[in-house]
C-alpha atoms as a PDB file:
ATOM      1  CA  UNK A   1     174.167 187.751  17.970  1.00  0.00           C
ATOM      2  CA  UNK A   2     175.480 184.234  17.557  1.00  0.00           C
ATOM      3  CA  UNK A   3     173.428 181.836  15.443  1.00  0.00           C
ATOM      4  CA  UNK A   4     171.963 178.903  17.376  1.00  0.00           C
ATOM      5  CA  UNK A   5     173.987 175.758  16.999  1.00  0.00           C
ATOM      6  CA  UNK A   6     171.965 172.819  15.581  1.00  0.00           C
ATOM      7  CA  UNK A   7     172.246 170.874  18.852  1.00  0.00           C
ATOM      8  CA  UNK A   8     170.537 173.659  20.849  1.00  0.00           C
ATOM      9  CA  UNK A   9     168.123 174.956  18.238  1.00  0.00           C
ATOM     10  CA  UNK A  10     165.261 173.284  20.131  1.00  0.00           C
ATOM     11  CA  UNK A  11     165.630 176.027  22.756  1.00  0.00           C
ATOM     12  CA  UNK A  12     164.030 178.469  20.339  1.00  0.00           C
ATOM     13  CA  UNK A  13     160.874 176.336  20.238  1.00  0.00           C
ATOM     14  CA  UNK A  14     160.444 175.786  23.996  1.00  0.00           C
ATOM     15  CA  UNK A  15     157.040 176.962  25.140  1.00  0.00           C
ATOM     16  CA  UNK A  16     157.142 179.387  28.037  1.00  0.00           C
ATOM     17  CA  UNK A  17     155.862 178.139  31.378  1.00  0.00           C
ATOM     18  CA  UNK A  18     152.091 178.376  31.449  1.00  0.00           C
ATOM     19  CA  UNK A  19     150.248 180.814  33.647  1.00  0.00           C
ATOM     20  CA  UNK A  20     148.734 177.783  35.334  1.00  0.00           C
ATOM     21  CA  UNK A  21     152.124 176.489  36.497  1.00  0.00           C
ATOM     22  CA  UNK A  22     151.636 177.695  40.074  1.00  0.00           C
ATOM     23  CA  UNK A  23     148.166 176.140  40.200  1.00  0.00           C
ATOM     24  CA  UNK A  24     149.503 172.866  38.787  1.00  0.00           C
ATOM     25  CA  UNK A  25     152.340 172.869  41.319  1.00  0.00           C
ATOM     26  CA  UNK A  26     149.951 173.542  44.183  1.00  0.00           C
ATOM     27  CA  UNK A  27     147.637 170.707  43.063  1.00  0.00           C
ATOM     28  CA  UNK A  28     150.596 168.347  42.767  1.00  0.00           C
ATOM     29  CA  UNK A  29     151.813 169.254  46.254  1.00  0.00           C
ATOM     30  CA  UNK A  30     148.299 168.727  47.636  1.00  0.00           C
ATOM     31  CA  UNK A  31     148.086 165.288  46.015  1.00  0.00           C
ATOM     32  CA  UNK A  32     151.496 164.322  47.421  1.00  0.00           C
ATOM     33  CA  UNK A  33     150.376 165.444  50.891  1.00  0.00           C
ATOM     34  CA  UNK A  34     147.252 163.289  50.593  1.00  0.00           C
ATOM     35  CA  UNK A  35     149.315 160.282  49.476  1.00  0.00           C
ATOM     36  CA  UNK A  36     151.705 160.834  52.412  1.00  0.00           C
ATOM     37  CA  UNK A  37     148.718 160.946  54.781  1.00  0.00           C
ATOM     38  CA  UNK A  38     147.412 157.637  53.411  1.00  0.00           C
ATOM     39  CA  UNK A  39     150.845 156.010  53.626  1.00  0.00           C
ATOM     40  CA  UNK A  40     151.143 157.123  57.266  1.00  0.00           C
ATOM     41  CA  UNK A  41     147.688 155.674  57.970  1.00  0.00           C
ATOM     42  CA  UNK A  42     148.815 152.359  56.454  1.00  0.00           C
ATOM     43  CA  UNK A  43     151.868 152.391  58.732  1.00  0.00           C
ATOM     44  CA  UNK A  44     149.916 153.184  61.894  1.00  0.00           C
ATOM     45  CA  UNK A  45     146.973 150.883  61.118  1.00  0.00           C
ATOM     46  CA  UNK A  46     144.307 153.564  60.693  1.00  0.00           C
ATOM     47  CA  UNK A  47     143.831 153.282  56.927  1.00  0.00           C
ATOM     48  CA  UNK A  48     140.147 153.042  56.113  1.00  0.00           C
ATOM     49  CA  UNK A  49     139.050 154.803  59.303  1.00  0.00           C
ATOM     50  CA  UNK A  50     136.746 157.819  58.969  1.00  0.00           C
ATOM     51  CA  UNK A  51     138.408 161.008  60.179  1.00  0.00           C
ATOM     52  CA  UNK A  52     135.056 162.359  61.383  1.00  0.00           C
ATOM     53  CA  UNK A  53     133.633 159.490  63.421  1.00  0.00           C
ATOM     54  CA  UNK A  54     136.288 156.762  63.522  1.00  0.00           C
ATOM     55  CA  UNK A  55     134.049 154.196  61.816  1.00  0.00           C
ATOM     56  CA  UNK A  56     135.301 152.002  58.990  1.00  0.00           C
ATOM     57  CA  UNK A  57     135.108 153.586  55.545  1.00  0.00           C
ATOM     58  CA  UNK A  58     133.081 151.472  53.131  1.00  0.00           C
ATOM     59  CA  UNK A  59     135.306 149.194  50.978  1.00  0.00           C
ATOM     60  CA  UNK A  60     133.582 150.333  47.768  1.00  0.00           C
ATOM     61  CA  UNK A  61     134.388 153.937  48.700  1.00  0.00           C
ATOM     62  CA  UNK A  62     138.063 153.096  49.293  1.00  0.00           C
ATOM     63  CA  UNK A  63     138.262 151.185  46.014  1.00  0.00           C
ATOM     64  CA  UNK A  64     136.854 154.184  44.173  1.00  0.00           C
ATOM     65  CA  UNK A  65     139.218 156.631  45.911  1.00  0.00           C
ATOM     66  CA  UNK A  66     141.965 155.281  48.205  1.00  0.00           C
ATOM     67  CA  UNK A  67     142.672 158.846  49.346  1.00  0.00           C
ATOM     68  CA  UNK A  68     139.178 159.311  50.794  1.00  0.00           C
ATOM     69  CA  UNK A  69     139.199 160.270  54.471  1.00  0.00           C
ATOM     70  CA  UNK A  70     135.552 159.913  55.484  1.00  0.00           C
ATOM     71  CA  UNK A  71     132.723 157.388  55.411  1.00  0.00           C
ATOM     72  CA  UNK A  72     129.523 157.966  53.433  1.00  0.00           C
ATOM     73  CA  UNK A  73     127.838 159.535  56.464  1.00  0.00           C
ATOM     74  CA  UNK A  74     130.240 162.499  56.398  1.00  0.00           C
ATOM     75  CA  UNK A  75     131.172 164.993  53.682  1.00  0.00           C
ATOM     76  CA  UNK A  76     134.726 164.986  52.388  1.00  0.00           C
ATOM     77  CA  UNK A  77     136.974 166.942  54.743  1.00  0.00           C
ATOM     78  CA  UNK A  78     139.193 169.830  53.809  1.00  0.00           C
ATOM     79  CA  UNK A  79     142.910 169.127  53.282  1.00  0.00           C
ATOM     80  CA  UNK A  80     143.769 170.537  56.716  1.00  0.00           C
ATOM     81  CA  UNK A  81     141.202 168.313  58.441  1.00  0.00           C
ATOM     82  CA  UNK A  82     142.430 165.243  56.526  1.00  0.00           C
ATOM     83  CA  UNK A  83     145.913 165.625  57.969  1.00  0.00           C
ATOM     84  CA  UNK A  84     144.630 165.184  61.522  1.00  0.00           C
ATOM     85  CA  UNK A  85     143.944 161.887  63.230  1.00  0.00           C
ATOM     86  CA  UNK A  86     140.398 160.508  63.505  1.00  0.00           C
ATOM     87  CA  UNK A  87     138.448 162.241  66.271  1.00  0.00           C
ATOM     88  CA  UNK A  88     136.841 159.081  67.640  1.00  0.00           C
ATOM     89  CA  UNK A  89     136.963 155.359  67.189  1.00  0.00           C
ATOM     90  CA  UNK A  90     134.071 153.090  66.380  1.00  0.00           C
ATOM     91  CA  UNK A  91     134.480 151.456  69.802  1.00  0.00           C
ATOM     92  CA  UNK A  92     134.060 154.814  71.577  1.00  0.00           C
ATOM     93  CA  UNK A  93     130.661 155.515  69.999  1.00  0.00           C
END
């Protein structure tokens, strides 16, 4: 076996990928999907609109979590529900 050259000796100390890598990757992909959803809502003018009732999401709630998809009257939606458009508008109620 060839001895490791000094410039690549760090390879011997690389930690193997953790068992949580798949979980970390999935969480990162979920976060990116949520950010994409929010960016689309900014583009189409629906940012800050509750995905359950169409009412405005409270400013304090948006400041605390800009990725939030519902107002205080509704529980946080699942990721699949967040990707859909609001079901109603405040004017329709």
